[in-house]
Amino acid sequence: MKIVTSKPGKVALAVALGALLTSGAFAQPSQTLPPVHKNGAVEYLSGGIGQDESAAMEMASRQWPLTLEFATRDKGHADFAANVQVLVRDDKGRAALNTTSDGPFLLAKLAPGHYTVEATLVGKTLHQNILLKAGQPAKAVFVWPAGTDKADS
C-alpha cells in the first residue's frame, strides 16, 4: 500500500501548529506520534501521515539526531511519499538501519558520525551523505522526480 499526501504549506503548517498549541496536544505530542521501533541497536519513528501526525513528528524531530523526509515533485510543489526503503550505512559501510518508512518522515537515534543514506522509492534510489554531531540534529530531504510514486499505483 502506498500513501502520498500533499505537503502542507507554511500557512497550513502555522495553522496546524496553532491548533496543536491551543488544543493541548503540544503538551502531549506522544498521542499523535507513531510508535518507536527498533532495528538492531537503532531506535526510530516512521510516519507523518495526516496533518496532526506530521506536525507532531516535525516537533519531535528536534529531539532525534536524524530526520529524513521523503517527497515527490508534482507540478511545481512536492507531495509526501511513503513506503520508502531506507538503508543507512556507517563510515565503514555497515548497515546501521535498514527499514521501510511508514510515512514521509523517519526519525532515527544514531550515534554521532558519518553516514550514507540510501532512500529507494519504486526502484529509484537517491543517496545523501550525513554528518551527525552530538547535540545537533540533522535533516536530509529526499525528493524524487514527478511521477516516481505513480509506478506502483
Protein backbone atom coordinates (compact mmCIF):
# COMPACT_ATOMS: atom_id res chain seq x y z
CA MET A 1 0.00 0.00 0.00
CA LYS A 2 1.38 3.40 -0.97
CA ILE A 3 0.25 6.66 0.62
CA VAL A 4 1.01 10.09 -0.78
CA THR A 5 -0.43 13.24 0.75
CA SER A 6 0.13 16.87 -0.11
CA LYS A 7 2.78 18.65 1.91
CA PRO A 8 1.24 21.50 3.91
CA GLY A 9 2.41 24.99 3.02
CA LYS A 10 3.85 27.40 5.57
CA VAL A 11 0.42 28.88 6.30
CA ALA A 12 -1.18 25.45 6.73
CA LEU A 13 1.70 24.37 8.97
CA ALA A 14 1.30 27.51 11.09
CA VAL A 15 -2.43 26.83 11.40
CA ALA A 16 -1.73 23.19 12.36
CA LEU A 17 0.84 24.24 14.96
CA GLY A 18 -1.55 26.87 16.33
CA ALA A 19 -4.27 24.24 16.62
CA LEU A 20 -1.86 21.92 18.44
CA LEU A 21 -0.89 24.65 20.87
CA THR A 22 -4.46 25.62 21.68
CA SER A 23 -5.76 22.05 21.85
CA GLY A 24 -3.27 20.93 24.49
CA ALA A 25 -1.79 18.34 22.10
CA PHE A 26 1.51 20.20 22.26
CA ALA A 27 1.92 19.17 25.89
CA GLN A 28 1.37 15.51 24.97
CA PRO A 29 2.77 15.00 21.44
CA SER A 30 3.11 11.25 22.03
CA GLN A 31 -0.65 10.97 21.46
CA THR A 32 -0.14 11.70 17.75
CA LEU A 33 3.33 10.18 17.29
CA PRO A 34 3.70 6.72 15.78
CA PRO A 35 5.29 4.02 17.96
CA VAL A 36 9.05 3.76 18.41
CA HIS A 37 10.57 0.82 16.53
CA LYS A 38 13.98 -0.77 16.90
CA ASN A 39 16.23 -2.05 14.11
CA GLY A 40 19.35 -3.57 15.60
CA ALA A 41 20.60 -1.02 18.11
CA VAL A 42 18.85 1.92 16.41
CA GLU A 43 15.51 3.29 17.63
CA TYR A 44 13.37 5.10 15.06
CA LEU A 45 9.95 6.60 14.40
CA SER A 46 8.38 6.41 10.98
CA GLY A 47 5.17 8.05 9.83
CA GLY A 48 3.74 11.51 9.36
CA ILE A 49 0.55 10.58 7.53
CA GLY A 50 -2.03 13.27 8.15
CA GLN A 51 -1.55 16.81 9.37
CA ASP A 52 -1.60 16.03 13.12
CA GLU A 53 0.99 13.26 12.96
CA SER A 54 3.12 15.24 10.52
CA ALA A 55 3.17 18.29 12.81
CA ALA A 56 3.92 16.10 15.85
CA MET A 57 6.86 14.47 14.06
CA GLU A 58 8.20 17.87 12.98
CA MET A 59 8.17 18.98 16.64
CA ALA A 60 9.67 15.71 17.89
CA SER A 61 12.46 15.84 15.30
CA ARG A 62 14.35 18.35 17.45
CA GLN A 63 14.95 15.54 19.97
CA TRP A 64 16.22 12.98 17.43
CA PRO A 65 19.72 13.03 15.88
CA LEU A 66 18.49 12.35 12.32
CA THR A 67 15.34 13.32 10.45
CA LEU A 68 14.68 12.03 6.95
CA GLU A 69 11.87 13.46 4.83
CA PHE A 70 10.57 11.89 1.60
CA ALA A 71 8.65 13.56 -1.23
CA THR A 72 7.99 13.53 -4.96
CA ARG A 73 7.78 16.59 -7.21
CA ASP A 74 4.31 17.33 -8.52
CA LYS A 75 3.61 20.34 -10.77
CA GLY A 76 5.92 22.78 -9.02
CA HIS A 77 5.39 21.56 -5.45
CA ALA A 78 6.16 18.39 -3.52
CA ASP A 79 3.88 15.59 -2.33
CA PHE A 80 4.85 13.50 0.67
CA ALA A 81 5.98 9.94 -0.14
CA ALA A 82 5.73 6.80 1.97
CA ASN A 83 6.90 3.19 1.65
CA VAL A 84 10.46 4.32 1.02
CA GLN A 85 13.11 1.66 1.59
CA VAL A 86 15.78 3.25 3.82
CA LEU A 87 19.31 1.93 4.26
CA VAL A 88 21.70 3.90 6.48
CA ARG A 89 25.35 2.81 6.40
CA ASP A 90 28.07 3.91 8.82
CA ASP A 91 31.51 5.13 7.69
CA LYS A 92 32.73 1.52 7.45
CA GLY A 93 29.87 0.56 5.11
CA ARG A 94 27.97 -1.47 7.71
CA ALA A 95 24.18 -1.22 7.78
CA ALA A 96 23.16 0.85 10.82
CA LEU A 97 19.44 0.98 9.89
CA ASN A 98 17.50 -0.95 7.26
CA THR A 99 13.75 -0.39 7.18
CA THR A 100 10.79 0.84 5.13
CA SER A 101 9.20 4.16 6.05
CA ASP A 102 5.56 4.14 7.14
CA GLY A 103 5.20 7.76 6.04
CA PRO A 104 7.08 10.78 4.76
CA PHE A 105 9.19 11.17 7.94
CA LEU A 106 11.70 8.88 9.60
CA LEU A 107 13.42 9.96 12.83
CA ALA A 108 16.41 7.89 13.97
CA LYS A 109 18.61 7.76 17.05
CA LEU A 110 22.05 7.20 15.60
CA ALA A 111 25.41 7.83 17.26
CA PRO A 112 27.45 10.82 16.07
CA GLY A 113 29.45 10.04 12.93
CA HIS A 114 29.44 9.91 9.15
CA TYR A 115 26.63 8.03 7.41
CA THR A 116 25.43 7.36 3.89
CA VAL A 117 21.66 7.20 3.44
CA GLU A 118 20.12 5.31 0.51
CA ALA A 119 16.42 6.00 0.02
CA THR A 120 14.60 3.93 -2.60
CA LEU A 121 11.10 4.67 -3.90
CA VAL A 122 9.66 2.32 -6.53
CA GLY A 123 13.13 1.16 -7.57
CA LYS A 124 14.67 4.64 -7.83
CA THR A 125 17.44 5.23 -5.28
CA LEU A 126 18.71 8.58 -4.01
CA HIS A 127 21.86 8.93 -1.86
CA GLN A 128 23.00 11.52 0.68
CA ASN A 129 25.99 11.70 2.99
CA ILE A 130 25.16 12.83 6.51
CA LEU A 131 27.38 14.01 9.35
CA LEU A 132 25.77 13.68 12.76
CA LYS A 133 27.28 15.78 15.53
CA ALA A 134 26.44 15.30 19.21
CA GLY A 135 23.55 17.55 20.27
CA GLN A 136 22.96 18.87 16.73
CA PRO A 137 20.01 17.26 14.96
CA ALA A 138 20.47 16.80 11.21
CA LYS A 139 17.84 16.63 8.46
CA ALA A 140 18.01 15.21 4.96
CA VAL A 141 15.25 15.66 2.40
CA PHE A 142 14.89 13.20 -0.48
CA VAL A 143 12.81 14.40 -3.46
CA TRP A 144 12.16 12.14 -6.45
CA PRO A 145 11.12 13.41 -9.89
CA ALA A 146 7.44 13.82 -10.73
CA GLY A 147 5.71 10.55 -11.47
CA THR A 148 8.12 8.36 -9.49
CA ASP A 149 5.42 7.34 -7.00
CA LYS A 150 2.91 6.58 -9.78
CA ALA A 151 4.82 3.46 -10.88
CA ASP A 152 3.27 1.31 -8.12
CA SER A 153 -0.25 2.80 -8.15
